[in-house]
PDB file of N, CA and C in Angstrom:
ATOM      1  N   MET A   1     113.801  57.585  64.754  1.00  0.00           N
ATOM      2  CA  MET A   1     114.543  58.105  65.594  1.00  0.00           C
ATOM      3  C   MET A   1     116.261  57.434  65.689  1.00  0.00           C
ATOM      4  N   LEU A   2     116.331  56.204  65.836  1.00  0.00           N
ATOM      5  CA  LEU A   2     117.528  56.015  65.679  1.00  0.00           C
ATOM      6  C   LEU A   2     117.997  55.255  64.295  1.00  0.00           C
ATOM      7  N   LYS A   3     117.720  55.734  63.116  1.00  0.00           N
ATOM      8  CA  LYS A   3     118.215  55.818  61.663  1.00  0.00           C
ATOM      9  C   LYS A   3     118.669  56.955  61.785  1.00  0.00           C
ATOM     10  N   GLN A   4     117.749  58.350  62.453  1.00  0.00           N
ATOM     11  CA  GLN A   4     118.201  59.858  61.790  1.00  0.00           C
ATOM     12  C   GLN A   4     119.264  59.616  62.824  1.00  0.00           C
ATOM     13  N   ILE A   5     119.607  59.176  63.908  1.00  0.00           N
ATOM     14  CA  ILE A   5     120.959  59.553  64.785  1.00  0.00           C
ATOM     15  C   ILE A   5     122.015  58.716  63.911  1.00  0.00           C
ATOM     16  N   ALA A   6     122.201  57.586  63.741  1.00  0.00           N
ATOM     17  CA  ALA A   6     123.343  56.698  62.530  1.00  0.00           C
ATOM     18  C   ALA A   6     123.266  58.033  61.264  1.00  0.00           C
ATOM     19  N   LEU A   7     122.367  58.535  60.879  1.00  0.00           N
ATOM     20  CA  LEU A   7     122.879  58.854  59.908  1.00  0.00           C
ATOM     21  C   LEU A   7     123.059  60.281  60.059  1.00  0.00           C
ATOM     22  N   ILE A   8     123.141  60.750  60.865  1.00  0.00           N
ATOM     23  CA  ILE A   8     124.153  62.081  61.501  1.00  0.00           C
ATOM     24  C   ILE A   8     125.307  61.843  62.042  1.00  0.00           C
ATOM     25  N   CYS A   9     125.577  60.565  62.626  1.00  0.00           N
ATOM     26  CA  CYS A   9     126.537  60.516  62.745  1.00  0.00           C
ATOM     27  C   CYS A   9     127.892  60.107  61.376  1.00  0.00           C
ATOM     28  N   PHE A  10     127.262  59.394  61.056  1.00  0.00           N
ATOM     29  CA  PHE A  10     127.704  59.234  59.478  1.00  0.00           C
ATOM     30  C   PHE A  10     127.933  60.269  58.382  1.00  0.00           C
ATOM     31  N   LEU A  11     127.152  61.009  58.136  1.00  0.00           N
ATOM     32  CA  LEU A  11     127.332  61.786  57.726  1.00  0.00           C
ATOM     33  C   LEU A  11     128.539  62.843  58.495  1.00  0.00           C
ATOM     34  N   SER A  12     128.243  63.493  59.371  1.00  0.00           N
ATOM     35  CA  SER A  12     129.070  64.288  60.530  1.00  0.00           C
ATOM     36  C   SER A  12     130.695  63.730  59.844  1.00  0.00           C
ATOM     37  N   LEU A  13     130.923  62.158  60.313  1.00  0.00           N
ATOM     38  CA  LEU A  13     132.446  61.597  60.246  1.00  0.00           C
ATOM     39  C   LEU A  13     132.759  61.862  58.892  1.00  0.00           C
ATOM     40  N   VAL A  14     131.771  61.870  57.872  1.00  0.00           N
ATOM     41  CA  VAL A  14     132.166  61.758  56.309  1.00  0.00           C
ATOM     42  C   VAL A  14     132.635  63.406  56.188  1.00  0.00           C
ATOM     43  N   MET A  15     131.759  64.281  56.702  1.00  0.00           N
ATOM     44  CA  MET A  15     132.245  65.898  56.489  1.00  0.00           C
ATOM     45  C   MET A  15     133.520  65.997  56.926  1.00  0.00           C
ATOM     46  N   LEU A  16     133.442  65.611  58.430  1.00  0.00           N
ATOM     47  CA  LEU A  16     134.686  65.563  59.015  1.00  0.00           C
ATOM     48  C   LEU A  16     136.286  65.109  58.418  1.00  0.00           C
ATOM     49  N   MET A  17     136.241  63.963  58.120  1.00  0.00           N
ATOM     50  CA  MET A  17     137.353  63.114  57.034  1.00  0.00           C
ATOM     51  C   MET A  17     137.398  64.184  56.063  1.00  0.00           C
ATOM     52  N   SER A  18     136.860  64.501  55.324  1.00  0.00           N
ATOM     53  CA  SER A  18     136.803  65.274  53.934  1.00  0.00           C
ATOM     54  C   SER A  18     137.526  66.417  54.607  1.00  0.00           C
ATOM     55  N   ILE A  19     136.909  67.092  55.205  1.00  0.00           N
ATOM     56  CA  ILE A  19     137.632  68.623  55.795  1.00  0.00           C
ATOM     57  C   ILE A  19     138.895  68.203  56.461  1.00  0.00           C
ATOM     58  N   LEU A  20     139.716  67.061  57.419  1.00  0.00           N
ATOM     59  CA  LEU A  20     140.571  66.615  57.938  1.00  0.00           C
ATOM     60  C   LEU A  20     141.624  66.509  56.539  1.00  0.00           C
ATOM     61  N   GLY A  21     140.931  65.720  55.474  1.00  0.00           N
ATOM     62  CA  GLY A  21     142.221  65.215  54.644  1.00  0.00           C
ATOM     63  C   GLY A  21     142.559  66.399  53.529  1.00  0.00           C
ATOM     64  N   ASN A  22     141.503  67.034  53.021  1.00  0.00           N
ATOM     65  CA  ASN A  22     141.686  67.820  52.132  1.00  0.00           C
ATOM     66  C   ASN A  22     142.719  68.600  53.300  1.00  0.00           C
ATOM     67  N   LEU A  23     142.999  69.159  54.234  1.00  0.00           N
ATOM     68  CA  LEU A  23     143.559  69.869  55.038  1.00  0.00           C
ATOM     69  C   LEU A  23     144.949  69.641  55.085  1.00  0.00           C
ATOM     70  N   LEU A  24     144.867  68.444  55.213  1.00  0.00           N
ATOM     71  CA  LEU A  24     146.574  67.171  55.602  1.00  0.00           C
ATOM     72  C   LEU A  24     147.096  67.561  53.939  1.00  0.00           C
ATOM     73  N   VAL A  25     146.372  67.459  52.634  1.00  0.00           N
ATOM     74  CA  VAL A  25     147.069  67.255  51.681  1.00  0.00           C
ATOM     75  C   VAL A  25     147.738  68.564  51.440  1.00  0.00           C
ATOM     76  N   MET A  26     146.785  69.790  51.424  1.00  0.00           N
ATOM     77  CA  MET A  26     147.363  71.144  51.336  1.00  0.00           C
ATOM     78  C   MET A  26     148.342  71.570  52.596  1.00  0.00           C
ATOM     79  N   VAL A  27     148.557  71.265  53.622  1.00  0.00           N
ATOM     80  CA  VAL A  27     149.147  71.414  54.547  1.00  0.00           C
ATOM     81  C   VAL A  27     150.653  70.852  53.954  1.00  0.00           C
ATOM     82  N   ALA A  28     150.370  69.610  53.558  1.00  0.00           N
ATOM     83  CA  ALA A  28     151.652  68.594  53.500  1.00  0.00           C
ATOM     84  C   ALA A  28     152.607  69.151  52.027  1.00  0.00           C
ATOM     85  N   VAL A  29     152.029  69.548  51.271  1.00  0.00           N
ATOM     86  CA  VAL A  29     152.323  70.335  50.338  1.00  0.00           C
ATOM     87  C   VAL A  29     153.173  71.677  50.349  1.00  0.00           C
ATOM     88  N   CYS A  30     151.969  72.356  51.142  1.00  0.00           N
ATOM     89  CA  CYS A  30     152.922  73.630  51.711  1.00  0.00           C
ATOM     90  C   CYS A  30     153.943  73.615  52.452  1.00  0.00           C
ATOM     91  N   LYS A  31     154.308  72.997  53.635  1.00  0.00           N
ATOM     92  CA  LYS A  31     155.331  72.671  54.446  1.00  0.00           C
ATOM     93  C   LYS A  31     156.751  71.666  53.850  1.00  0.00           C
ATOM     94  N   ASP A  32     156.628  70.847  52.940  1.00  0.00           N
ATOM     95  CA  ASP A  32     157.255  70.002  52.430  1.00  0.00           C
ATOM     96  C   ASP A  32     158.023  70.621  51.369  1.00  0.00           C
ATOM     97  N   ARG A  33     159.432  70.780  51.293  1.00  0.00           N
ATOM     98  CA  ARG A  33     160.244  71.536  50.106  1.00  0.00           C
ATOM     99  C   ARG A  33     160.097  70.816  48.824  1.00  0.00           C
ATOM    100  N   GLN A  34     160.006  69.186  49.066  1.00  0.00           N
ATOM    101  CA  GLN A  34     160.148  68.417  48.067  1.00  0.00           C
ATOM    102  C   GLN A  34     158.678  68.192  47.010  1.00  0.00           C
ATOM    103  N   LEU A  35     157.887  68.314  47.908  1.00  0.00           N
ATOM    104  CA  LEU A  35     157.038  68.419  47.627  1.00  0.00           C
ATOM    105  C   LEU A  35     156.136  69.724  46.582  1.00  0.00           C
ATOM    106  N   ARG A  36     156.596  70.594  46.988  1.00  0.00           N
ATOM    107  CA  ARG A  36     156.607  72.184  46.520  1.00  0.00           C
ATOM    108  C   ARG A  36     157.504  72.056  44.988  1.00  0.00           C
ATOM    109  N   LYS A  37     158.241  71.405  44.912  1.00  0.00           N
ATOM    110  CA  LYS A  37     158.874  71.358  43.802  1.00  0.00           C
ATOM    111  C   LYS A  37     158.456  70.741  42.870  1.00  0.00           C
ATOM    112  N   ILE A  38     157.289  69.781  42.817  1.00  0.00           N
ATOM    113  CA  ILE A  38     156.813  69.171  42.145  1.00  0.00           C
ATOM    114  C   ILE A  38     155.812  69.645  41.528  1.00  0.00           C
ATOM    115  N   LYS A  39     155.779  70.018  40.570  1.00  0.00           N
ATOM    116  CA  LYS A  39     154.397  71.700  39.951  1.00  0.00           C
ATOM    117  C   LYS A  39     153.321  70.641  39.628  1.00  0.00           C
ATOM    118  N   THR A  40     153.062  69.413  39.623  1.00  0.00           N
ATOM    119  CA  THR A  40     151.950  68.842  39.422  1.00  0.00           C
ATOM    120  C   THR A  40     151.241  68.831  40.808  1.00  0.00           C
ATOM    121  N   ASN A  41     151.621  68.857  42.107  1.00  0.00           N
ATOM    122  CA  ASN A  41     150.949  69.385  43.076  1.00  0.00           C
ATOM    123  C   ASN A  41     150.452  70.247  43.118  1.00  0.00           C
ATOM    124  N   TYR A  42     150.967  71.517  42.529  1.00  0.00           N
ATOM    125  CA  TYR A  42     149.820  72.473  42.562  1.00  0.00           C
ATOM    126  C   TYR A  42     148.251  72.396  42.166  1.00  0.00           C
ATOM    127  N   PHE A  43     148.145  71.195  41.320  1.00  0.00           N
ATOM    128  CA  PHE A  43     146.699  70.536  40.471  1.00  0.00           C
ATOM    129  C   PHE A  43     146.053  69.927  41.742  1.00  0.00           C
ATOM    130  N   ILE A  44     147.038  69.307  42.332  1.00  0.00           N
ATOM    131  CA  ILE A  44     146.251  68.437  43.591  1.00  0.00           C
ATOM    132  C   ILE A  44     146.179  69.405  44.650  1.00  0.00           C
ATOM    133  N   VAL A  45     146.551  70.571  44.894  1.00  0.00           N
ATOM    134  CA  VAL A  45     146.308  71.312  46.305  1.00  0.00           C
ATOM    135  C   VAL A  45     145.136  72.177  45.730  1.00  0.00           C
ATOM    136  N   SER A  46     145.213  72.418  44.268  1.00  0.00           N
ATOM    137  CA  SER A  46     144.119  73.208  44.073  1.00  0.00           C
ATOM    138  C   SER A  46     142.756  72.098  44.053  1.00  0.00           C
ATOM    139  N   LEU A  47     143.036  71.136  43.868  1.00  0.00           N
ATOM    140  CA  LEU A  47     141.735  70.112  43.601  1.00  0.00           C
ATOM    141  C   LEU A  47     141.515  69.939  45.399  1.00  0.00           C
ATOM    142  N   ALA A  48     142.243  70.059  46.080  1.00  0.00           N
ATOM    143  CA  ALA A  48     142.164  69.730  47.726  1.00  0.00           C
ATOM    144  C   ALA A  48     141.108  71.004  48.040  1.00  0.00           C
ATOM    145  N   PHE A  49     141.885  72.308  47.475  1.00  0.00           N
ATOM    146  CA  PHE A  49     140.758  73.402  48.246  1.00  0.00           C
ATOM    147  C   PHE A  49     139.470  73.186  47.383  1.00  0.00           C
ATOM    148  N   ALA A  50     139.438  72.889  46.080  1.00  0.00           N
ATOM    149  CA  ALA A  50     137.986  72.745  45.676  1.00  0.00           C
ATOM    150  C   ALA A  50     137.243  71.706  46.438  1.00  0.00           C
ATOM    151  N   ASP A  51     137.889  70.625  46.824  1.00  0.00           N
ATOM    152  CA  ASP A  51     136.855  69.680  47.842  1.00  0.00           C
ATOM    153  C   ASP A  51     136.437  69.918  49.118  1.00  0.00           C
ATOM    154  N   LEU A  52     137.587  71.233  49.891  1.00  0.00           N
ATOM    155  CA  LEU A  52     137.163  71.725  50.899  1.00  0.00           C
ATOM    156  C   LEU A  52     136.463  72.442  50.941  1.00  0.00           C
ATOM    157  N   LEU A  53     136.200  73.338  49.715  1.00  0.00           N
ATOM    158  CA  LEU A  53     135.104  73.973  49.888  1.00  0.00           C
ATOM    159  C   LEU A  53     133.499  73.504  49.483  1.00  0.00           C
ATOM    160  N   VAL A  54     133.362  72.044  49.115  1.00  0.00           N
ATOM    161  CA  VAL A  54     132.428  71.642  49.152  1.00  0.00           C
ATOM    162  C   VAL A  54     132.062  70.785  50.337  1.00  0.00           C
ATOM    163  N   SER A  55     133.077  70.454  50.686  1.00  0.00           N
ATOM    164  CA  SER A  55     132.724  69.764  52.444  1.00  0.00           C
ATOM    165  C   SER A  55     132.776  71.018  53.463  1.00  0.00           C
ATOM    166  N   VAL A  56     132.797  71.988  53.306  1.00  0.00           N
ATOM    167  CA  VAL A  56     132.334  73.209  54.256  1.00  0.00           C
ATOM    168  C   VAL A  56     130.957  74.160  53.770  1.00  0.00           C
ATOM    169  N   LEU A  57     131.315  74.064  52.120  1.00  0.00           N
ATOM    170  CA  LEU A  57     129.613  75.170  52.468  1.00  0.00           C
ATOM    171  C   LEU A  57     128.662  74.495  51.422  1.00  0.00           C
ATOM    172  N   VAL A  58     128.967  73.188  51.319  1.00  0.00           N
ATOM    173  CA  VAL A  58     127.811  72.447  50.550  1.00  0.00           C
ATOM    174  C   VAL A  58     127.164  71.348  51.186  1.00  0.00           C
ATOM    175  N   MET A  59     128.283  70.086  51.874  1.00  0.00           N
ATOM    176  CA  MET A  59     127.704  69.124  52.575  1.00  0.00           C
ATOM    177  C   MET A  59     126.896  69.663  53.753  1.00  0.00           C
ATOM    178  N   PRO A  60     127.638  70.576  54.681  1.00  0.00           N
ATOM    179  CA  PRO A  60     126.305  70.221  55.877  1.00  0.00           C
ATOM    180  C   PRO A  60     125.104  70.667  55.541  1.00  0.00           C
ATOM    181  N   PHE A  61     124.815  71.728  54.548  1.00  0.00           N
ATOM    182  CA  PHE A  61     123.466  71.933  54.093  1.00  0.00           C
ATOM    183  C   PHE A  61     122.722  70.397  53.590  1.00  0.00           C
ATOM    184  N   GLY A  62     123.206  70.075  52.856  1.00  0.00           N
ATOM    185  CA  GLY A  62     122.772  68.836  52.258  1.00  0.00           C
ATOM    186  C   GLY A  62     122.824  68.052  53.170  1.00  0.00           C
ATOM    187  N   ALA A  63     123.389  67.683  54.122  1.00  0.00           N
ATOM    188  CA  ALA A  63     123.343  66.991  55.342  1.00  0.00           C
ATOM    189  C   ALA A  63     121.792  66.867  56.246  1.00  0.00           C
ATOM    190  N   ILE A  64     122.000  67.979  56.317  1.00  0.00           N
ATOM    191  CA  ILE A  64     120.817  69.010  57.498  1.00  0.00           C
ATOM    192  C   ILE A  64     119.495  68.456  56.630  1.00  0.00           C
ATOM    193  N   GLU A  65     119.360  68.734  55.129  1.00  0.00           N
ATOM    194  CA  GLU A  65     118.046  68.744  54.070  1.00  0.00           C
ATOM    195  C   GLU A  65     118.115  67.010  54.432  1.00  0.00           C
ATOM    196  N   LEU A  66     118.614  66.316  54.101  1.00  0.00           N
ATOM    197  CA  LEU A  66     118.423  64.983  54.258  1.00  0.00           C
ATOM    198  C   LEU A  66     118.060  64.362  55.551  1.00  0.00           C
ATOM    199  N   VAL A  67     118.314  64.851  56.427  1.00  0.00           N
ATOM    200  CA  VAL A  67     117.760  64.731  58.216  1.00  0.00           C
ATOM    201  C   VAL A  67     116.639  65.029  58.205  1.00  0.00           C
ATOM    202  N   HIS A  68     116.317  66.521  58.093  1.00  0.00           N
ATOM    203  CA  HIS A  68     114.908  66.798  57.918  1.00  0.00           C
ATOM    204  C   HIS A  68     113.926  66.731  56.801  1.00  0.00           C
ATOM    205  N   GLN A  69     114.559  65.631  55.837  1.00  0.00           N
ATOM    206  CA  GLN A  69     113.633  65.416  54.636  1.00  0.00           C
ATOM    207  C   GLN A  69     112.869  66.542  54.045  1.00  0.00           C
ATOM    208  N   HIS A  70     113.614  67.981  54.417  1.00  0.00           N
ATOM    209  CA  HIS A  70     112.796  69.077  53.603  1.00  0.00           C
ATOM    210  C   HIS A  70     114.326  70.209  53.504  1.00  0.00           C
ATOM    211  N   TRP A  71     113.872  71.107  52.729  1.00  0.00           N
ATOM    212  CA  TRP A  71     114.462  72.442  52.860  1.00  0.00           C
ATOM    213  C   TRP A  71     114.052  73.227  53.630  1.00  0.00           C
ATOM    214  N   ILE A  72     114.655  74.050  54.756  1.00  0.00           N
ATOM    215  CA  ILE A  72     114.621  74.746  55.856  1.00  0.00           C
ATOM    216  C   ILE A  72     115.017  76.269  55.535  1.00  0.00           C
ATOM    217  N   TYR A  73     115.639  76.420  54.702  1.00  0.00           N
ATOM    218  CA  TYR A  73     116.631  77.851  54.928  1.00  0.00           C
ATOM    219  C   TYR A  73     115.882  78.683  53.776  1.00  0.00           C
ATOM    220  N   GLY A  74     114.818  78.371  53.211  1.00  0.00           N
ATOM    221  CA  GLY A  74     114.046  78.945  52.276  1.00  0.00           C
ATOM    222  C   GLY A  74     114.641  78.928  50.916  1.00  0.00           C
ATOM    223  N   GLU A  75     113.892  79.847  50.183  1.00  0.00           N
ATOM    224  CA  GLU A  75     114.314  79.660  48.661  1.00  0.00           C
ATOM    225  C   GLU A  75     115.666  80.072  47.990  1.00  0.00           C
ATOM    226  N   THR A  76     115.836  81.402  48.256  1.00  0.00           N
ATOM    227  CA  THR A  76     116.985  82.261  47.979  1.00  0.00           C
ATOM    228  C   THR A  76     118.657  81.216  48.497  1.00  0.00           C
ATOM    229  N   PHE A  77     118.282  81.107  49.488  1.00  0.00           N
ATOM    230  CA  PHE A  77     119.714  80.170  50.043  1.00  0.00           C
ATOM    231  C   PHE A  77     119.904  78.438  49.364  1.00  0.00           C
ATOM    232  N   CYS A  78     118.506  78.182  48.860  1.00  0.00           N
ATOM    233  CA  CYS A  78     118.772  77.075  48.264  1.00  0.00           C
ATOM    234  C   CYS A  78     119.248  77.038  46.860  1.00  0.00           C
ATOM    235  N   LEU A  79     119.046  78.342  46.224  1.00  0.00           N
ATOM    236  CA  LEU A  79     119.478  78.503  45.039  1.00  0.00           C
ATOM    237  C   LEU A  79     121.018  78.438  45.018  1.00  0.00           C
ATOM    238  N   VAL A  80     121.499  79.357  46.174  1.00  0.00           N
ATOM    239  CA  VAL A  80     122.846  79.746  46.392  1.00  0.00           C
ATOM    240  C   VAL A  80     123.360  78.459  46.639  1.00  0.00           C
ATOM    241  N   ARG A  81     122.915  77.337  47.484  1.00  0.00           N
ATOM    242  CA  ARG A  81     123.414  76.148  47.359  1.00  0.00           C
ATOM    243  C   ARG A  81     124.043  75.480  46.415  1.00  0.00           C
ATOM    244  N   THR A  82     122.696  74.927  46.119  1.00  0.00           N
ATOM    245  CA  THR A  82     122.565  74.506  44.675  1.00  0.00           C
ATOM    246  C   THR A  82     123.867  74.753  43.652  1.00  0.00           C
ATOM    247  N   SER A  83     123.524  76.170  43.605  1.00  0.00           N
ATOM    248  CA  SER A  83     124.819  76.811  42.912  1.00  0.00           C
ATOM    249  C   SER A  83     126.343  76.226  43.034  1.00  0.00           C
ATOM    250  N   LEU A  84     126.172  77.012  44.368  1.00  0.00           N
ATOM    251  CA  LEU A  84     127.729  75.999  44.714  1.00  0.00           C
ATOM    252  C   LEU A  84     127.851  74.499  44.581  1.00  0.00           C
ATOM    253  N   ASP A  85     126.969  74.018  45.019  1.00  0.00           N
ATOM    254  CA  ASP A  85     127.139  72.615  44.604  1.00  0.00           C
ATOM    255  C   ASP A  85     127.492  72.490  43.305  1.00  0.00           C
ATOM    256  N   VAL A  86     127.065  72.919  42.624  1.00  0.00           N
ATOM    257  CA  VAL A  86     127.157  72.308  40.782  1.00  0.00           C
ATOM    258  C   VAL A  86     128.406  73.286  40.616  1.00  0.00           C
ATOM    259  N   LEU A  87     129.014  74.250  41.122  1.00  0.00           N
ATOM    260  CA  LEU A  87     130.217  74.961  40.467  1.00  0.00           C
ATOM    261  C   LEU A  87     131.295  74.249  41.408  1.00  0.00           C
ATOM    262  N   LEU A  88     131.228  73.924  42.350  1.00  0.00           N
ATOM    263  CA  LEU A  88     132.514  73.519  43.106  1.00  0.00           C
ATOM    264  C   LEU A  88     132.405  71.706  42.687  1.00  0.00           C
ATOM    265  N   THR A  89     131.285  71.658  42.219  1.00  0.00           N
ATOM    266  CA  THR A  89     131.591  70.186  41.622  1.00  0.00           C
ATOM    267  C   THR A  89     132.149  70.255  40.652  1.00  0.00           C
ATOM    268  N   THR A  90     131.651  70.731  40.019  1.00  0.00           N
ATOM    269  CA  THR A  90     132.095  71.253  38.238  1.00  0.00           C
ATOM    270  C   THR A  90     134.022  71.722  38.411  1.00  0.00           C
ATOM    271  N   ALA A  91     134.366  72.261  39.430  1.00  0.00           N
ATOM    272  CA  ALA A  91     135.424  72.554  39.774  1.00  0.00           C
ATOM    273  C   ALA A  91     136.548  71.438  40.029  1.00  0.00           C
ATOM    274  N   SER A  92     135.878  70.466  40.581  1.00  0.00           N
ATOM    275  CA  SER A  92     136.833  69.317  40.944  1.00  0.00           C
ATOM    276  C   SER A  92     136.908  68.580  39.874  1.00  0.00           C
ATOM    277  N   ILE A  93     135.785  68.527  39.295  1.00  0.00           N
ATOM    278  CA  ILE A  93     136.035  67.404  37.683  1.00  0.00           C
ATOM    279  C   ILE A  93     137.122  68.251  36.896  1.00  0.00           C
ATOM    280  N   MET A  94     137.094  69.390  36.907  1.00  0.00           N
ATOM    281  CA  MET A  94     138.002  70.184  35.518  1.00  0.00           C
ATOM    282  C   MET A  94     139.177  69.885  36.385  1.00  0.00           C
ATOM    283  N   HIS A  95     139.627  69.670  37.404  1.00  0.00           N
ATOM    284  CA  HIS A  95     140.771  69.635  38.301  1.00  0.00           C
ATOM    285  C   HIS A  95     141.082  68.048  38.054  1.00  0.00           C
ATOM    286  N   LEU A  96     140.341  67.155  37.936  1.00  0.00           N
ATOM    287  CA  LEU A  96     140.885  65.991  37.712  1.00  0.00           C
ATOM    288  C   LEU A  96     140.932  65.875  36.129  1.00  0.00           C
ATOM    289  N   CYS A  97     140.292  66.451  35.451  1.00  0.00           N
ATOM    290  CA  CYS A  97     140.713  66.409  33.925  1.00  0.00           C
ATOM    291  C   CYS A  97     141.769  67.127  33.645  1.00  0.00           C
ATOM    292  N   CYS A  98     142.523  68.065  34.469  1.00  0.00           N
ATOM    293  CA  CYS A  98     143.407  68.337  34.081  1.00  0.00           C
ATOM    294  C   CYS A  98     145.001  68.041  34.264  1.00  0.00           C
ATOM    295  N   ILE A  99     144.779  67.038  35.795  1.00  0.00           N
ATOM    296  CA  ILE A  99     145.724  66.434  36.275  1.00  0.00           C
ATOM    297  C   ILE A  99     145.834  64.851  35.243  1.00  0.00           C
ATOM    298  N   ALA A 100     144.750  64.540  34.966  1.00  0.00           N
ATOM    299  CA  ALA A 100     144.944  63.379  33.881  1.00  0.00           C
ATOM    300  C   ALA A 100     145.564  63.802  32.276  1.00  0.00           C
ATOM    301  N   LEU A 101     145.047  64.985  31.664  1.00  0.00           N
ATOM    302  CA  LEU A 101     145.748  65.382  30.899  1.00  0.00           C
ATOM    303  C   LEU A 101     147.426  65.582  31.119  1.00  0.00           C
ATOM    304  N   ASP A 102     147.957  66.358  32.355  1.00  0.00           N
ATOM    305  CA  ASP A 102     148.997  66.245  32.449  1.00  0.00           C
ATOM    306  C   ASP A 102     150.182  65.366  32.597  1.00  0.00           C
ATOM    307  N   ARG A 103     149.281  64.159  33.711  1.00  0.00           N
ATOM    308  CA  ARG A 103     149.833  63.195  33.419  1.00  0.00           C
ATOM    309  C   ARG A 103     150.071  62.022  32.263  1.00  0.00           C
ATOM    310  N   THR A 104     149.355  62.316  31.465  1.00  0.00           N
ATOM    311  CA  THR A 104     148.687  61.419  29.888  1.00  0.00           C
ATOM    312  C   THR A 104     150.132  62.121  29.248  1.00  0.00           C
ATOM    313  N   ARG A 105     150.189  63.582  29.304  1.00  0.00           N
ATOM    314  CA  ARG A 105     151.310  63.903  28.649  1.00  0.00           C
ATOM    315  C   ARG A 105     152.894  64.024  29.014  1.00  0.00           C
ATOM    316  N   THR A 106     152.763  63.934  30.106  1.00  0.00           N
ATOM    317  CA  THR A 106     154.122  63.783  31.172  1.00  0.00           C
ATOM    318  C   THR A 106     154.662  62.269  31.109  1.00  0.00           C
ATOM    319  N   ARG A 107     153.757  61.251  30.863  1.00  0.00           N
ATOM    320  CA  ARG A 107     153.725  59.765  31.294  1.00  0.00           C
ATOM    321  C   ARG A 107     153.472  59.337  30.241  1.00  0.00           C
ATOM    322  N   PRO A 108     153.908  59.379  29.162  1.00  0.00           N
ATOM    323  CA  PRO A 108     153.301  58.330  28.626  1.00  0.00           C
ATOM    324  C   PRO A 108     153.452  56.830  28.187  1.00  0.00           C
ATOM    325  N   LEU A 109     152.404  56.301  27.536  1.00  0.00           N
ATOM    326  CA  LEU A 109     152.732  54.740  27.617  1.00  0.00           C
ATOM    327  C   LEU A 109     153.832  53.994  26.815  1.00  0.00           C
ATOM    328  N   PRO A 110     154.073  52.995  27.187  1.00  0.00           N
ATOM    329  CA  PRO A 110     155.105  52.638  26.647  1.00  0.00           C
ATOM    330  C   PRO A 110     155.161  52.447  25.200  1.00  0.00           C
ATOM    331  N   GLY A 111     156.388  52.824  24.427  1.00  0.00           N
ATOM    332  CA  GLY A 111     156.298  53.031  23.195  1.00  0.00           C
ATOM    333  C   GLY A 111     156.213  54.425  22.494  1.00  0.00           C
ATOM    334  N   GLU A 112     155.583  55.333  23.514  1.00  0.00           N
ATOM    335  CA  GLU A 112     154.991  56.709  23.199  1.00  0.00           C
ATOM    336  C   GLU A 112     156.331  57.675  23.905  1.00  0.00           C
ATOM    337  N   GLU A 113     156.281  58.879  22.905  1.00  0.00           N
ATOM    338  CA  GLU A 113     157.258  59.827  23.491  1.00  0.00           C
ATOM    339  C   GLU A 113     156.231  60.880  23.998  1.00  0.00           C
ATOM    340  N   ALA A 114     157.086  61.227  25.542  1.00  0.00           N
ATOM    341  CA  ALA A 114     156.416  62.314  25.887  1.00  0.00           C
ATOM    342  C   ALA A 114     156.278  63.631  25.011  1.00  0.00           C
ATOM    343  N   ARG A 115     155.255  64.131  25.167  1.00  0.00           N
ATOM    344  CA  ARG A 115     154.663  65.012  24.183  1.00  0.00           C
ATOM    345  C   ARG A 115     154.941  66.418  24.834  1.00  0.00           C
ATOM    346  N   GLY A 116     155.441  66.687  26.424  1.00  0.00           N
ATOM    347  CA  GLY A 116     155.430  68.276  26.566  1.00  0.00           C
ATOM    348  C   GLY A 116     154.148  68.055  27.527  1.00  0.00           C
ATOM    349  N   ALA A 117     154.370  69.104  28.826  1.00  0.00           N
ATOM    350  CA  ALA A 117     153.537  69.012  29.895  1.00  0.00           C
ATOM    351  C   ALA A 117     152.835  70.123  29.763  1.00  0.00           C
ATOM    352  N   VAL A 118     151.384  70.397  30.324  1.00  0.00           N
ATOM    353  CA  VAL A 118     150.663  71.121  30.301  1.00  0.00           C
ATOM    354  C   VAL A 118     151.138  72.058  31.503  1.00  0.00           C
ATOM    355  N   LEU A 119     151.679  72.083  32.940  1.00  0.00           N
ATOM    356  CA  LEU A 119     152.260  72.540  33.958  1.00  0.00           C
ATOM    357  C   LEU A 119     153.587  71.935  33.837  1.00  0.00           C
ATOM    358  N   THR A 120     153.902  70.878  33.825  1.00  0.00           N
ATOM    359  CA  THR A 120     155.012  70.280  34.342  1.00  0.00           C
ATOM    360  C   THR A 120     156.192  70.451  33.351  1.00  0.00           C
ATOM    361  N   PRO A 121     157.463  70.275  34.085  1.00  0.00           N
ATOM    362  CA  PRO A 121     158.516  69.808  32.668  1.00  0.00           C
ATOM    363  C   PRO A 121     158.513  68.608  32.114  1.00  0.00           C
ATOM    364  N   ARG A 122     159.170  68.264  31.071  1.00  0.00           N
ATOM    365  CA  ARG A 122     159.485  66.787  30.275  1.00  0.00           C
ATOM    366  C   ARG A 122     160.382  66.206  31.479  1.00  0.00           C
ATOM    367  N   PRO A 123     159.606  65.170  31.875  1.00  0.00           N
ATOM    368  CA  PRO A 123     161.055  64.171  32.778  1.00  0.00           C
ATOM    369  C   PRO A 123     162.164  63.670  31.797  1.00  0.00           C
ATOM    370  N   GLU A 124     163.097  63.934  32.843  1.00  0.00           N
ATOM    371  CA  GLU A 124     164.362  63.888  31.792  1.00  0.00           C
ATOM    372  C   GLU A 124     164.217  62.083  31.858  1.00  0.00           C
ATOM    373  N   SER A 125     164.821  61.497  31.311  1.00  0.00           N
ATOM    374  CA  SER A 125     165.341  59.988  30.932  1.00  0.00           C
ATOM    375  C   SER A 125     166.126  59.479  32.332  1.00  0.00           C
ATOM    376  N   GLY A 126     165.153  58.683  32.882  1.00  0.00           N
ATOM    377  CA  GLY A 126     165.585  57.879  33.907  1.00  0.00           C
ATOM    378  C   GLY A 126     165.056  57.918  35.240  1.00  0.00           C
ATOM    379  N   GLN A 127     164.329  59.736  34.934  1.00  0.00           N
ATOM    380  CA  GLN A 127     163.895  60.298  36.254  1.00  0.00           C
ATOM    381  C   GLN A 127     162.376  59.664  36.692  1.00  0.00           C
ATOM    382  N   THR A 128     161.824  59.550  37.691  1.00  0.00           N
ATOM    383  CA  THR A 128     160.886  59.125  38.403  1.00  0.00           C
ATOM    384  C   THR A 128     160.015  60.414  38.653  1.00  0.00           C
ATOM    385  N   ARG A 129     158.910  60.079  38.933  1.00  0.00           N
ATOM    386  CA  ARG A 129     158.347  61.013  39.948  1.00  0.00           C
ATOM    387  C   ARG A 129     157.189  60.225  40.770  1.00  0.00           C
TER     388      ARG A 129
END
């Protein structure tokens, strides 16, 4: 029983921190004019939104399944939750790929020239982000 209580507390803390952290990222970019000017931050906000959906729509039911050690919501909702899990996790991975591609193109390795950006304009010489 003590093990289950510890598991519930840990999973609740992880979900709460994930929700608050992703909301904080979205609010920060939306409220701060300087952060809104940097187009790459839209990738970050989109990633935060996808991760927020995972935290709200997938993690709670996974935690309940883990605590009960079996699925209690029926076959249809099991398929829906599994589909959401795959869809939203894939969306997060694709966002990370877009961010990596954008950064690779706009911030080349020393000795290489910037090749243009996916979303953001080419940085001018001497400009840092």
